[in-house]
Amino acid sequence: MKANRKISTSKLVARFDNELKMLLTNDLKSIKAKAARLANAA
């Protein structure tokens, strides 16, 4: 049995897409929250 198993490319791409989407969603949430705080402060 091989010690190093290869992960299929489609699984890697799907994982990358999911993690990227999560990062972008979190960034967008923080930007919206900051914009709301700035709008309320003005």
N, C-alpha and C. Protein backbone atom coordinates (compact mmCIF):
# COMPACT_ATOMS: atom_id res chain seq x y z
N MET A 1 0.85 -1.19 0.00
CA MET A 1 0.00 0.00 0.00
C MET A 1 0.89 1.24 0.00
N LYS A 2 0.50 2.22 -0.78
CA LYS A 2 1.28 3.45 -0.87
C LYS A 2 1.08 4.30 0.38
N ALA A 3 2.13 4.96 0.77
CA ALA A 3 2.04 5.85 1.92
C ALA A 3 1.38 7.17 1.53
N ASN A 4 1.61 7.60 0.30
CA ASN A 4 1.05 8.87 -0.16
C ASN A 4 -0.12 8.62 -1.09
N ARG A 5 -1.31 8.98 -0.65
CA ARG A 5 -2.49 8.84 -1.50
C ARG A 5 -2.71 10.13 -2.26
N LYS A 6 -3.01 10.01 -3.54
CA LYS A 6 -3.29 11.20 -4.35
C LYS A 6 -4.77 11.53 -4.24
N ILE A 7 -5.05 12.78 -4.03
CA ILE A 7 -6.43 13.25 -3.98
C ILE A 7 -6.82 13.67 -5.39
N SER A 8 -8.02 13.33 -5.80
CA SER A 8 -8.43 13.68 -7.16
C SER A 8 -8.49 15.20 -7.32
N THR A 9 -8.22 15.62 -8.54
CA THR A 9 -8.19 17.05 -8.83
C THR A 9 -9.53 17.71 -8.57
N SER A 10 -10.60 17.03 -8.91
CA SER A 10 -11.93 17.63 -8.71
C SER A 10 -12.21 17.87 -7.23
N LYS A 11 -11.73 16.98 -6.36
CA LYS A 11 -11.93 17.18 -4.92
C LYS A 11 -11.12 18.38 -4.44
N LEU A 12 -9.90 18.52 -4.95
CA LEU A 12 -9.08 19.67 -4.56
C LEU A 12 -9.72 20.97 -5.02
N VAL A 13 -10.22 20.98 -6.24
CA VAL A 13 -10.86 22.20 -6.77
C VAL A 13 -12.11 22.53 -5.97
N ALA A 14 -12.90 21.53 -5.64
CA ALA A 14 -14.11 21.76 -4.85
C ALA A 14 -13.76 22.32 -3.48
N ARG A 15 -12.73 21.76 -2.86
CA ARG A 15 -12.32 22.25 -1.53
C ARG A 15 -11.82 23.69 -1.63
N PHE A 16 -11.01 23.97 -2.65
CA PHE A 16 -10.50 25.33 -2.86
C PHE A 16 -11.67 26.30 -3.06
N ASP A 17 -12.63 25.92 -3.90
CA ASP A 17 -13.79 26.78 -4.14
C ASP A 17 -14.56 27.05 -2.85
N ASN A 18 -14.78 26.02 -2.05
CA ASN A 18 -15.53 26.19 -0.81
C ASN A 18 -14.79 27.10 0.16
N GLU A 19 -13.48 26.91 0.30
CA GLU A 19 -12.72 27.75 1.23
C GLU A 19 -12.64 29.19 0.74
N LEU A 20 -12.49 29.37 -0.57
CA LEU A 20 -12.45 30.72 -1.12
C LEU A 20 -13.78 31.42 -0.92
N LYS A 21 -14.87 30.71 -1.16
CA LYS A 21 -16.20 31.29 -0.97
C LYS A 21 -16.41 31.69 0.48
N MET A 22 -15.95 30.84 1.41
CA MET A 22 -16.10 31.16 2.83
C MET A 22 -15.28 32.41 3.20
N LEU A 23 -14.07 32.50 2.70
CA LEU A 23 -13.25 33.69 2.97
C LEU A 23 -13.89 34.95 2.42
N LEU A 24 -14.37 34.88 1.19
CA LEU A 24 -14.99 36.05 0.57
C LEU A 24 -16.27 36.45 1.31
N THR A 25 -17.04 35.46 1.73
CA THR A 25 -18.27 35.75 2.48
C THR A 25 -17.95 36.44 3.80
N ASN A 26 -16.95 35.95 4.50
CA ASN A 26 -16.56 36.57 5.77
C ASN A 26 -16.05 37.99 5.55
N ASP A 27 -15.27 38.20 4.50
CA ASP A 27 -14.79 39.54 4.20
C ASP A 27 -15.95 40.48 3.89
N LEU A 28 -16.89 40.00 3.10
CA LEU A 28 -18.03 40.83 2.75
C LEU A 28 -18.86 41.18 3.97
N LYS A 29 -19.04 40.23 4.87
CA LYS A 29 -19.79 40.49 6.11
C LYS A 29 -19.09 41.57 6.94
N SER A 30 -17.77 41.48 7.04
CA SER A 30 -17.06 42.48 7.85
C SER A 30 -17.10 43.85 7.19
N ILE A 31 -17.05 43.90 5.87
CA ILE A 31 -17.12 45.18 5.16
C ILE A 31 -18.51 45.79 5.36
N LYS A 32 -19.55 44.97 5.25
CA LYS A 32 -20.91 45.49 5.44
C LYS A 32 -21.11 45.99 6.86
N ALA A 33 -20.57 45.27 7.85
CA ALA A 33 -20.70 45.69 9.24
C ALA A 33 -19.98 47.01 9.48
N LYS A 34 -18.80 47.15 8.90
CA LYS A 34 -18.04 48.40 9.05
C LYS A 34 -18.76 49.55 8.38
N ALA A 35 -19.32 49.32 7.20
CA ALA A 35 -20.06 50.36 6.49
C ALA A 35 -21.30 50.78 7.29
N ALA A 36 -21.96 49.81 7.92
CA ALA A 36 -23.14 50.14 8.72
C ALA A 36 -22.75 50.98 9.93
N ARG A 37 -21.62 50.64 10.56
CA ARG A 37 -21.16 51.43 11.71
C ARG A 37 -20.79 52.84 11.29
N LEU A 38 -20.17 52.98 10.13
CA LEU A 38 -19.81 54.32 9.65
C LEU A 38 -21.05 55.13 9.29
N ALA A 39 -22.04 54.48 8.70
CA ALA A 39 -23.29 55.18 8.34
C ALA A 39 -24.03 55.63 9.60
N ASN A 40 -24.02 54.80 10.63
CA ASN A 40 -24.70 55.16 11.88
C ASN A 40 -23.96 56.26 12.63
N ALA A 41 -22.66 56.31 12.48
CA ALA A 41 -21.87 57.32 13.19
C ALA A 41 -22.00 58.69 12.56
N ALA A 42 -22.32 58.73 11.29
CA ALA A 42 -22.39 60.02 10.57
C ALA A 42 -23.67 60.76 10.83
